[in-house]
Amino acid sequence: MKSPSILAVDDQSIFLFLLENHLREKGFTPLTASSATEALSILEKQHVDLIISDLMMPDMDGLQLTEKVKSLYPSLPIIVITAHGSVESAVTAMRRGAFDYLEKPYDPDDLQITIQRALSYTHAIRENEQITGMLRERFTFQSIVTVNPAMKQVLELASKVVSSPQTTIAIYGESGCGKEVVARAIHYAGKGLPGSFIAVNCAAIPENLLESELFGHVRGAFTGADRDREGKFSAAKGGTLLLDEIGDMPLPLQAKLLRVIQERVFEKIGTNTPVPAECRVIVTTNRNLADLVAAGSFREDLYHRINVFPLSIPPLRERKEDIPLLCEHVLAKLRQHLGKPLHGISPETMDAMLAYHWPGNVRELRNSMERAAILTDNGMIDPDHLGIHHSPASGRACPAEGNTVSYELSIPYDELSLEALTGQIMEITLERCRGNKSKAAKLLHVTRKAYYRT
């Protein structure tokens, strides 16, 4: 393994000589420069893992060099060493991007510890950049498979808001329809946001813990707070904070969130010191927030504040033309993941999938495909492999064999009509018959052509 290369910069030859020998003895590859100008020239020609620079130099001092290097190589750490130590110069060095600050004469052990910390920092930064690059390739608008006009419009609108990180985005849609996928695409498309994507499920965290989870706390703020803790707003600095299931956030906390979104500051529990909220905020929900406002369980002012840029993702049953594309997309990933030949989906299987209601949306389709891919022995997915006709997740009973047939229908009030009721009964019946239109028509005592007209 190649040893880390460290560039030592000092206009005094004796110190440069001693530092070079120290680095070589510790197993590093030392490079030397007697001026900041020479150091910049070296950086143009070869890779460097760390810079150790003197503070006081004639042509360009260590602070100016730090500022210049950081503008060209943001992840390259710099340790500043000087015989003219002061609190002011230390603070200035750190503000301009120095990783750490040591005074001459430095303790060799202290220098070694500082070097190792700086190299570990560099490794973590570069590893994070690699992971971020991989995620940026994975979560793109182009990776979201759709030919549905409504879904295409959602993605087009989402791509336009990428350049406005201060705008709060509200993504609506049923569970499993891809709200977080769209949120991640927005985050990773925003190249100006190098920070992390942090997701918080507001429904999964107890009310008494959610505030601390979001804003953090200081030691002694409440019983059990034995140390300071950073919240998710701090962790998402420079990135995106996703507040999933915002409709389940307790009312008292909604008031505090409103202030954060309005004023772009928050306070840790136990302190009155405002902290800047430097992240994009995206909220998601599978509930109708307007109805929650009317019921008094969601603040109207917060609703209007987060609803600046709403995106509504259609459920899978309303974009069934995407099902063949989604199936092939999932199959391609499963071939690689499972390491087995998956030839495709039989016509009967596709008929069943197109007829199914998909209450769990894309997530349910993906899970069904994974189950089917595991069960198939010949590489062809058949209806029995999917298991969708046994799915209890729809919350709607299918017609039962025997003397009694039971249906549970769910239609929005403003869409209620005889045609809608009839259509949903026919759809559920077809699900029960696993896509067999002849059998479904026989059960409902209608002609098979009736199903082709729906």
Protein backbone atom coordinates (compact mmCIF):
# COMPACT_ATOMS: atom_id res chain seq x y z
CA MET A 1 0.00 0.00 0.00
CA LYS A 2 1.35 3.39 -1.00
CA SER A 3 2.34 5.59 1.93
CA PRO A 4 0.55 8.96 2.29
CA SER A 5 2.36 11.88 0.67
CA ILE A 6 2.78 14.96 2.85
CA LEU A 7 3.93 18.33 1.53
CA ALA A 8 6.03 20.32 4.02
CA VAL A 9 6.23 24.09 3.36
CA ASP A 10 8.73 26.31 5.25
CA ASP A 11 11.10 29.09 4.18
CA GLN A 12 13.63 28.11 6.88
CA SER A 13 15.74 25.25 5.54
CA ILE A 14 16.65 23.80 8.96
CA PHE A 15 13.01 23.37 9.99
CA LEU A 16 12.14 22.00 6.56
CA PHE A 17 15.01 19.49 6.83
CA LEU A 18 13.93 18.34 10.32
CA LEU A 19 10.30 18.00 9.28
CA GLU A 20 11.22 16.04 6.15
CA ASN A 21 13.31 13.59 8.19
CA HIS A 22 10.52 13.17 10.76
CA LEU A 23 7.99 12.36 8.05
CA ARG A 24 10.28 9.87 6.36
CA GLU A 25 11.04 8.12 9.68
CA LYS A 26 7.30 7.75 10.30
CA GLY A 27 6.77 6.02 6.98
CA PHE A 28 5.32 8.91 4.99
CA THR A 29 6.39 10.13 1.55
CA PRO A 30 7.68 13.67 2.16
CA LEU A 31 7.61 16.48 -0.40
CA THR A 32 9.16 19.85 0.39
CA ALA A 33 8.70 23.45 -0.73
CA SER A 34 10.52 26.52 0.52
CA SER A 35 7.70 28.90 -0.41
CA ALA A 36 3.93 28.95 -0.89
CA THR A 37 4.39 29.57 -4.62
CA GLU A 38 6.53 26.45 -4.94
CA ALA A 39 3.97 24.48 -2.93
CA LEU A 40 1.15 25.47 -5.31
CA SER A 41 3.32 24.45 -8.26
CA ILE A 42 3.86 20.99 -6.70
CA LEU A 43 0.12 20.59 -6.12
CA GLU A 44 -0.50 21.14 -9.82
CA LYS A 45 1.83 18.29 -10.75
CA GLN A 46 1.25 15.52 -8.23
CA HIS A 47 -1.10 14.09 -5.64
CA VAL A 48 -0.74 15.22 -2.03
CA ASP A 49 -2.61 13.81 0.99
CA LEU A 50 -1.70 16.50 3.52
CA ILE A 51 0.05 19.89 3.76
CA ILE A 52 2.08 21.05 6.76
CA SER A 53 2.86 24.74 6.33
CA ASP A 54 4.76 27.39 8.23
CA LEU A 55 2.70 30.46 9.07
CA MET A 56 5.22 33.25 8.47
CA MET A 57 6.70 33.19 4.94
CA PRO A 58 7.85 36.11 2.75
CA ASP A 59 5.95 35.79 -0.55
CA MET A 60 2.67 34.33 0.70
CA ASP A 61 2.07 33.45 4.35
CA GLY A 62 0.53 30.24 5.64
CA LEU A 63 -2.94 31.75 6.04
CA GLN A 64 -2.99 32.97 2.45
CA LEU A 65 -1.73 29.58 1.28
CA THR A 66 -4.47 27.86 3.28
CA GLU A 67 -7.12 30.05 1.71
CA LYS A 68 -5.76 29.43 -1.78
CA VAL A 69 -5.45 25.67 -1.34
CA LYS A 70 -8.96 25.39 0.09
CA SER A 71 -10.39 27.19 -2.92
CA LEU A 72 -8.65 24.73 -5.26
CA TYR A 73 -8.68 21.50 -3.21
CA PRO A 74 -11.47 21.73 -0.60
CA SER A 75 -10.89 18.28 0.93
CA LEU A 76 -7.10 18.63 1.30
CA PRO A 77 -6.24 19.15 5.01
CA ILE A 78 -3.64 21.69 6.11
CA ILE A 79 -1.78 21.83 9.41
CA VAL A 80 -0.31 25.25 10.18
CA ILE A 81 2.90 25.45 12.27
CA THR A 82 4.41 28.69 13.53
CA ALA A 83 6.84 30.15 16.03
CA HIS A 84 4.61 33.19 16.33
CA GLY A 85 1.70 31.51 18.10
CA SER A 86 -1.29 33.46 19.31
CA VAL A 87 -4.95 32.85 19.88
CA GLU A 88 -5.81 35.30 17.10
CA SER A 89 -3.66 33.59 14.47
CA ALA A 90 -4.95 30.16 15.52
CA VAL A 91 -8.57 31.28 15.14
CA THR A 92 -7.80 32.91 11.78
CA ALA A 93 -6.07 29.77 10.51
CA MET A 94 -9.03 27.59 11.46
CA ARG A 95 -11.52 30.03 9.92
CA ARG A 96 -9.64 29.95 6.64
CA GLY A 97 -9.81 26.19 6.52
CA ALA A 98 -6.79 24.86 8.42
CA PHE A 99 -7.37 21.43 9.93
CA ASP A 100 -5.26 22.14 13.01
CA TYR A 101 -2.63 24.49 14.44
CA LEU A 102 0.69 23.74 16.21
CA GLU A 103 3.40 25.99 17.64
CA LYS A 104 7.15 25.72 17.16
CA PRO A 105 8.93 23.99 18.70
CA TYR A 106 6.32 21.26 18.24
CA ASP A 107 6.27 18.01 20.14
CA PRO A 108 6.94 15.14 17.64
CA ASP A 109 4.26 13.00 19.31
CA ASP A 110 1.71 15.82 19.06
CA LEU A 111 2.60 16.30 15.41
CA GLN A 112 2.22 12.57 14.72
CA ILE A 113 -1.20 12.47 16.39
CA THR A 114 -2.33 15.53 14.44
CA ILE A 115 -1.12 14.04 11.15
CA GLN A 116 -2.99 10.79 11.77
CA ARG A 117 -6.18 12.70 12.63
CA ALA A 118 -5.85 14.79 9.49
CA LEU A 119 -5.27 11.74 7.27
CA SER A 120 -8.24 9.94 8.84
CA TYR A 121 -10.32 13.04 8.12
CA THR A 122 -9.16 13.02 4.49
CA HIS A 123 -9.97 9.33 4.13
CA ALA A 124 -13.46 9.87 5.56
CA ILE A 125 -14.09 12.86 3.29
CA ARG A 126 -13.00 11.01 0.16
CA GLU A 127 -14.95 7.91 1.13
CA ASN A 128 -18.01 10.10 1.67
CA GLU A 129 -17.47 11.73 -1.72
CA GLN A 130 -17.35 8.29 -3.36
CA ILE A 131 -20.53 7.18 -1.60
CA THR A 132 -22.25 10.46 -2.46
CA GLY A 133 -21.22 10.02 -6.08
CA MET A 134 -22.68 6.52 -6.14
CA LEU A 135 -25.90 7.73 -4.54
CA ARG A 136 -26.08 10.67 -6.94
CA GLU A 137 -25.94 8.19 -9.83
CA ARG A 138 -28.52 5.92 -8.23
CA PHE A 139 -31.04 8.55 -7.14
CA THR A 140 -31.57 10.63 -10.25
CA PHE A 141 -34.72 11.73 -11.99
CA GLN A 142 -33.64 9.59 -14.93
CA SER A 143 -33.60 6.48 -12.72
CA ILE A 144 -37.29 6.90 -11.87
CA VAL A 145 -39.04 4.69 -14.41
CA THR A 146 -42.29 6.11 -15.82
CA VAL A 147 -44.19 6.82 -19.01
CA ASN A 148 -47.23 8.15 -17.15
CA PRO A 149 -47.98 11.82 -18.01
CA ALA A 150 -48.92 12.75 -14.41
CA MET A 151 -45.75 11.20 -13.01
CA LYS A 152 -43.65 12.85 -15.70
CA GLN A 153 -45.12 16.20 -14.71
CA VAL A 154 -44.21 15.55 -11.07
CA LEU A 155 -40.59 14.86 -12.04
CA GLU A 156 -40.47 17.93 -14.28
CA LEU A 157 -41.71 20.15 -11.44
CA ALA A 158 -39.29 18.50 -9.00
CA SER A 159 -36.34 19.18 -11.30
CA LYS A 160 -37.23 22.88 -11.35
CA VAL A 161 -37.15 23.28 -7.55
CA VAL A 162 -33.69 21.72 -7.25
CA SER A 163 -32.02 25.11 -7.70
CA SER A 164 -33.99 26.63 -4.78
CA PRO A 165 -32.69 24.97 -1.58
CA GLN A 166 -34.50 27.46 0.68
CA THR A 167 -37.90 26.41 -0.66
CA THR A 168 -39.83 23.92 1.45
CA ILE A 169 -41.21 21.04 -0.61
CA ALA A 170 -44.28 18.99 0.32
CA ILE A 171 -44.62 15.58 -1.35
CA TYR A 172 -48.02 13.90 -1.13
CA GLY A 173 -48.87 10.31 -1.97
CA GLU A 174 -49.92 6.95 -0.64
CA SER A 175 -47.50 4.72 1.24
CA GLY A 176 -45.06 3.00 -1.08
CA CYS A 177 -45.63 5.23 -4.10
CA GLY A 178 -42.09 6.67 -4.10
CA LYS A 179 -42.19 9.89 -2.09
CA GLU A 180 -38.73 9.36 -0.58
CA VAL A 181 -37.31 8.33 -3.96
CA VAL A 182 -38.40 11.68 -5.41
CA ALA A 183 -37.06 13.51 -2.34
CA ARG A 184 -33.65 11.86 -2.74
CA ALA A 185 -33.61 12.68 -6.44
CA ILE A 186 -34.16 16.34 -5.57
CA HIS A 187 -31.36 16.22 -3.01
CA TYR A 188 -28.76 14.49 -5.17
CA ALA A 189 -29.62 16.63 -8.20
CA GLY A 190 -28.71 19.70 -6.15
CA LYS A 191 -24.95 19.80 -6.63
CA GLY A 192 -24.76 22.89 -4.42
CA LEU A 193 -25.81 20.80 -1.40
CA PRO A 194 -22.81 18.65 -0.41
CA GLY A 195 -24.33 17.70 2.93
CA SER A 196 -26.16 14.55 3.92
CA PHE A 197 -29.70 13.39 3.22
CA ILE A 198 -31.29 12.86 6.63
CA ALA A 199 -34.74 11.28 6.97
CA VAL A 200 -36.89 11.40 10.12
CA ASN A 201 -40.13 9.43 10.45
CA CYS A 202 -42.34 11.69 12.55
CA ALA A 203 -44.80 8.86 13.15
CA ALA A 204 -42.23 6.40 14.45
CA ILE A 205 -40.64 8.51 17.21
CA PRO A 206 -42.46 9.10 20.54
CA GLU A 207 -43.70 12.65 21.06
CA ASN A 208 -41.44 13.26 24.06
CA LEU A 209 -38.34 12.31 22.03
CA LEU A 210 -39.12 13.87 18.66
CA GLU A 211 -38.17 17.42 19.64
CA SER A 212 -34.74 16.31 20.84
CA GLU A 213 -34.35 14.15 17.72
CA LEU A 214 -34.96 17.17 15.50
CA PHE A 215 -33.26 20.00 17.38
CA GLY A 216 -30.86 18.31 19.78
CA HIS A 217 -30.31 19.17 23.43
CA VAL A 218 -27.64 20.32 25.87
CA ARG A 219 -26.47 18.42 28.91
CA GLY A 220 -28.90 18.73 31.82
CA ALA A 221 -31.79 19.94 29.64
CA PHE A 222 -34.00 17.18 31.06
CA THR A 223 -33.73 14.00 33.12
CA GLY A 224 -31.39 11.60 31.36
CA ALA A 225 -29.68 14.27 29.24
CA ASP A 226 -26.17 13.42 30.46
CA ARG A 227 -24.39 14.94 27.45
CA ASP A 228 -24.92 17.35 24.58
CA ARG A 229 -26.59 15.89 21.51
CA GLU A 230 -26.83 17.20 17.97
CA GLY A 231 -30.26 17.00 16.34
CA LYS A 232 -31.20 16.13 12.78
CA PHE A 233 -31.33 19.78 11.72
CA SER A 234 -27.65 20.04 12.66
CA ALA A 235 -26.78 16.73 11.00
CA ALA A 236 -28.44 17.86 7.77
CA LYS A 237 -26.41 21.09 7.56
CA GLY A 238 -25.64 21.79 3.93
CA GLY A 239 -27.93 18.93 2.85
CA THR A 240 -31.56 17.88 3.04
CA LEU A 241 -33.81 17.03 5.98
CA LEU A 242 -36.79 14.86 5.08
CA LEU A 243 -39.66 14.97 7.58
CA ASP A 244 -41.61 11.84 6.69
CA GLU A 245 -45.27 11.56 7.72
CA ILE A 246 -45.44 15.21 8.77
CA GLY A 247 -49.19 14.79 9.36
CA ASP A 248 -48.41 12.75 12.49
CA MET A 249 -46.27 15.46 14.12
CA PRO A 250 -47.68 16.55 17.52
CA LEU A 251 -49.30 20.01 17.59
CA PRO A 252 -46.86 21.56 20.14
CA LEU A 253 -43.91 20.60 17.96
CA GLN A 254 -45.64 21.93 14.85
CA ALA A 255 -45.39 25.46 16.30
CA LYS A 256 -41.63 25.08 16.75
CA LEU A 257 -41.21 23.68 13.26
CA LEU A 258 -43.14 26.66 11.87
CA ARG A 259 -40.58 29.01 13.40
CA VAL A 260 -37.68 27.02 11.97
CA ILE A 261 -39.12 27.15 8.47
CA GLN A 262 -40.05 30.84 8.73
CA GLU A 263 -36.91 32.18 10.40
CA ARG A 264 -34.42 29.47 9.37
CA VAL A 265 -33.17 29.08 12.96
CA PHE A 266 -33.79 26.62 15.77
CA GLU A 267 -32.84 26.21 19.41
CA LYS A 268 -31.54 23.12 21.16
CA ILE A 269 -33.56 21.98 24.15
CA GLY A 270 -32.12 23.64 27.24
CA THR A 271 -30.73 26.74 25.54
CA ASN A 272 -32.01 29.99 24.07
CA THR A 273 -29.16 30.33 21.60
CA PRO A 274 -30.43 30.35 18.00
CA VAL A 275 -28.70 27.98 15.58
CA PRO A 276 -28.99 28.52 11.80
CA ALA A 277 -31.08 25.89 9.98
CA GLU A 278 -28.87 25.48 6.93
CA CYS A 279 -30.61 22.70 5.06
CA ARG A 280 -33.34 22.06 2.56
CA VAL A 281 -36.57 20.87 4.17
CA ILE A 282 -38.79 18.33 2.42
CA VAL A 283 -41.94 16.98 4.07
CA THR A 284 -43.92 13.94 2.97
CA THR A 285 -47.30 12.58 3.98
CA ASN A 286 -49.85 9.99 2.92
CA ARG A 287 -52.61 11.98 4.62
CA ASN A 288 -54.74 14.90 3.45
CA LEU A 289 -53.30 17.82 5.41
CA ALA A 290 -56.21 20.09 4.49
CA ASP A 291 -58.57 17.62 6.20
CA LEU A 292 -56.26 17.52 9.24
CA VAL A 293 -56.36 21.33 9.38
CA ALA A 294 -60.16 21.24 9.28
CA ALA A 295 -60.16 18.65 12.07
CA GLY A 296 -57.85 20.81 14.19
CA SER A 297 -55.00 18.30 14.32
CA PHE A 298 -52.66 20.24 12.03
CA ARG A 299 -51.80 23.94 12.20
CA GLU A 300 -53.17 25.95 9.32
CA ASP A 301 -50.22 28.38 9.33
CA LEU A 302 -47.75 25.47 9.14
CA TYR A 303 -49.79 23.87 6.37
CA HIS A 304 -49.52 27.00 4.23
CA ARG A 305 -45.83 27.37 5.11
CA ILE A 306 -44.83 23.86 4.02
CA ASN A 307 -47.15 23.83 1.03
CA VAL A 308 -45.04 26.31 -0.94
CA PHE A 309 -44.11 23.74 -3.57
CA PRO A 310 -46.46 20.73 -3.45
CA LEU A 311 -45.87 17.55 -5.46
CA SER A 312 -48.53 14.85 -5.65
CA ILE A 313 -47.36 11.39 -6.70
CA PRO A 314 -50.09 9.29 -8.31
CA PRO A 315 -50.65 5.77 -6.92
CA LEU A 316 -49.57 2.84 -9.03
CA ARG A 317 -53.17 1.87 -9.87
CA GLU A 318 -53.48 5.23 -11.67
CA ARG A 319 -50.36 4.68 -13.76
CA LYS A 320 -50.56 1.02 -14.68
CA GLU A 321 -48.80 1.70 -17.96
CA ASP A 322 -45.65 1.92 -15.81
CA ILE A 323 -46.00 -1.66 -14.50
CA PRO A 324 -44.21 -3.42 -17.40
CA LEU A 325 -41.33 -0.92 -17.21
CA LEU A 326 -41.10 -1.20 -13.43
CA CYS A 327 -41.10 -4.99 -13.64
CA GLU A 328 -38.19 -5.05 -16.06
CA HIS A 329 -36.34 -2.44 -13.98
CA VAL A 330 -36.77 -4.56 -10.83
CA LEU A 331 -35.88 -7.77 -12.67
CA ALA A 332 -32.61 -6.26 -13.88
CA LYS A 333 -31.63 -5.49 -10.29
CA LEU A 334 -32.76 -8.90 -9.03
CA ARG A 335 -30.69 -10.71 -11.66
CA GLN A 336 -27.62 -9.06 -10.25
CA HIS A 337 -28.68 -9.34 -6.61
CA LEU A 338 -29.76 -13.00 -6.70
CA GLY A 339 -27.24 -14.14 -9.28
CA LYS A 340 -29.77 -16.30 -11.13
CA PRO A 341 -31.21 -16.17 -14.65
CA LEU A 342 -34.59 -14.41 -14.74
CA HIS A 343 -35.98 -14.61 -18.25
CA GLY A 344 -39.10 -12.54 -17.77
CA ILE A 345 -42.79 -12.48 -16.89
CA SER A 346 -45.42 -14.68 -18.49
CA PRO A 347 -48.37 -12.97 -20.26
CA GLU A 348 -50.77 -14.38 -17.63
CA THR A 349 -48.63 -12.88 -14.89
CA MET A 350 -48.61 -9.49 -16.56
CA ASP A 351 -52.40 -9.62 -16.96
CA ALA A 352 -52.73 -10.34 -13.24
CA MET A 353 -50.37 -7.50 -12.35
CA LEU A 354 -52.22 -5.05 -14.57
CA ALA A 355 -55.52 -6.09 -13.02
CA TYR A 356 -54.33 -5.89 -9.42
CA HIS A 357 -55.13 -2.81 -7.32
CA TRP A 358 -51.60 -2.50 -5.78
CA PRO A 359 -52.59 -0.99 -2.42
CA GLY A 360 -48.90 -1.01 -1.44
CA ASN A 361 -47.94 0.72 -4.70
CA VAL A 362 -44.42 0.45 -6.12
CA ARG A 363 -43.05 -0.91 -2.86
CA GLU A 364 -45.51 -3.82 -2.97
CA LEU A 365 -44.68 -4.47 -6.63
CA ARG A 366 -40.97 -4.57 -5.85
CA ASN A 367 -41.51 -6.94 -2.91
CA SER A 368 -43.79 -9.20 -4.97
CA MET A 369 -41.22 -9.35 -7.75
CA GLU A 370 -38.45 -10.26 -5.31
CA ARG A 371 -40.59 -13.04 -3.84
CA ALA A 372 -41.39 -14.32 -7.32
CA ALA A 373 -37.76 -14.19 -8.41
CA ILE A 374 -36.78 -16.33 -5.43
CA LEU A 375 -39.57 -18.88 -6.01
CA THR A 376 -39.18 -19.42 -9.75
CA ASP A 377 -37.16 -22.44 -10.79
CA ASN A 378 -37.14 -21.95 -14.55
CA GLY A 379 -36.49 -18.20 -14.65
CA MET A 380 -40.02 -17.36 -15.79
CA ILE A 381 -42.33 -15.61 -13.32
CA ASP A 382 -45.86 -17.05 -13.18
CA PRO A 383 -48.95 -15.74 -11.32
CA ASP A 384 -48.54 -18.20 -8.44
CA HIS A 385 -45.08 -16.82 -7.70
CA LEU A 386 -46.37 -13.31 -6.99
CA GLY A 387 -48.79 -14.08 -4.19
CA ILE A 388 -50.66 -10.84 -4.82
CA HIS A 389 -54.08 -12.50 -4.83
CA HIS A 390 -53.43 -13.50 -1.20
CA SER A 391 -52.31 -10.03 -0.17
CA PRO A 392 -54.12 -8.77 2.93
CA ALA A 393 -52.50 -5.37 2.54
CA SER A 394 -55.23 -3.94 0.33
CA GLY A 395 -57.62 -3.64 3.23
CA ARG A 396 -60.44 -4.63 0.85
CA ALA A 397 -62.02 -8.05 0.91
CA CYS A 398 -62.19 -9.90 -2.38
CA PRO A 399 -65.26 -11.85 -3.44
CA ALA A 400 -65.36 -15.11 -1.54
CA GLU A 401 -66.35 -18.47 -2.95
CA GLY A 402 -69.68 -19.59 -1.47
CA ASN A 403 -73.03 -18.04 -0.68
CA THR A 404 -71.76 -14.64 0.50
CA VAL A 405 -69.67 -12.07 -1.33
CA SER A 406 -68.16 -9.21 0.69
CA TYR A 407 -66.59 -6.00 -0.66
CA GLU A 408 -64.96 -3.14 1.17
CA LEU A 409 -64.90 -0.07 -1.06
CA SER A 410 -62.96 3.15 -0.59
CA ILE A 411 -63.74 6.12 -2.84
CA PRO A 412 -63.07 9.81 -2.11
CA TYR A 413 -66.30 11.69 -1.41
CA ASP A 414 -65.88 14.12 -4.30
CA GLU A 415 -65.32 11.20 -6.72
CA LEU A 416 -68.31 9.12 -5.53
CA SER A 417 -70.56 7.93 -8.35
CA LEU A 418 -72.31 4.78 -9.52
CA GLU A 419 -69.69 4.44 -12.26
CA ALA A 420 -66.86 4.66 -9.71
CA LEU A 421 -68.52 2.05 -7.46
CA THR A 422 -69.08 -0.29 -10.38
CA GLY A 423 -65.52 0.15 -11.62
CA GLN A 424 -64.04 -0.61 -8.21
CA ILE A 425 -66.20 -3.74 -7.77
CA MET A 426 -65.08 -4.98 -11.18
CA GLU A 427 -61.45 -4.23 -10.32
CA ILE A 428 -61.58 -6.11 -7.00
CA THR A 429 -63.31 -9.06 -8.63
CA LEU A 430 -60.63 -9.23 -11.29
CA GLU A 431 -57.95 -9.23 -8.57
CA ARG A 432 -59.68 -12.16 -6.88
CA CYS A 433 -59.74 -14.01 -10.19
CA ARG A 434 -56.01 -13.36 -10.68
CA GLY A 435 -56.59 -11.40 -13.87
CA ASN A 436 -58.84 -13.98 -15.49
CA LYS A 437 -61.42 -11.72 -17.16
CA SER A 438 -63.68 -14.58 -18.23
CA LYS A 439 -63.98 -15.85 -14.65
CA ALA A 440 -64.51 -12.35 -13.26
CA ALA A 441 -67.23 -11.65 -15.83
CA LYS A 442 -68.93 -14.94 -14.93
CA LEU A 443 -68.91 -14.07 -11.21
CA LEU A 444 -70.52 -10.69 -11.87
CA HIS A 445 -72.91 -12.03 -14.54
CA VAL A 446 -71.64 -9.61 -17.19
CA THR A 447 -70.09 -10.21 -20.58
CA ARG A 448 -66.30 -10.47 -20.94
CA LYS A 449 -66.46 -7.41 -23.19
CA ALA A 450 -67.52 -5.38 -20.17
CA TYR A 451 -64.02 -5.83 -18.76
CA TYR A 452 -62.37 -4.64 -21.91
CA ARG A 453 -64.43 -1.45 -21.73
CA THR A 454 -63.21 -0.69 -18.18
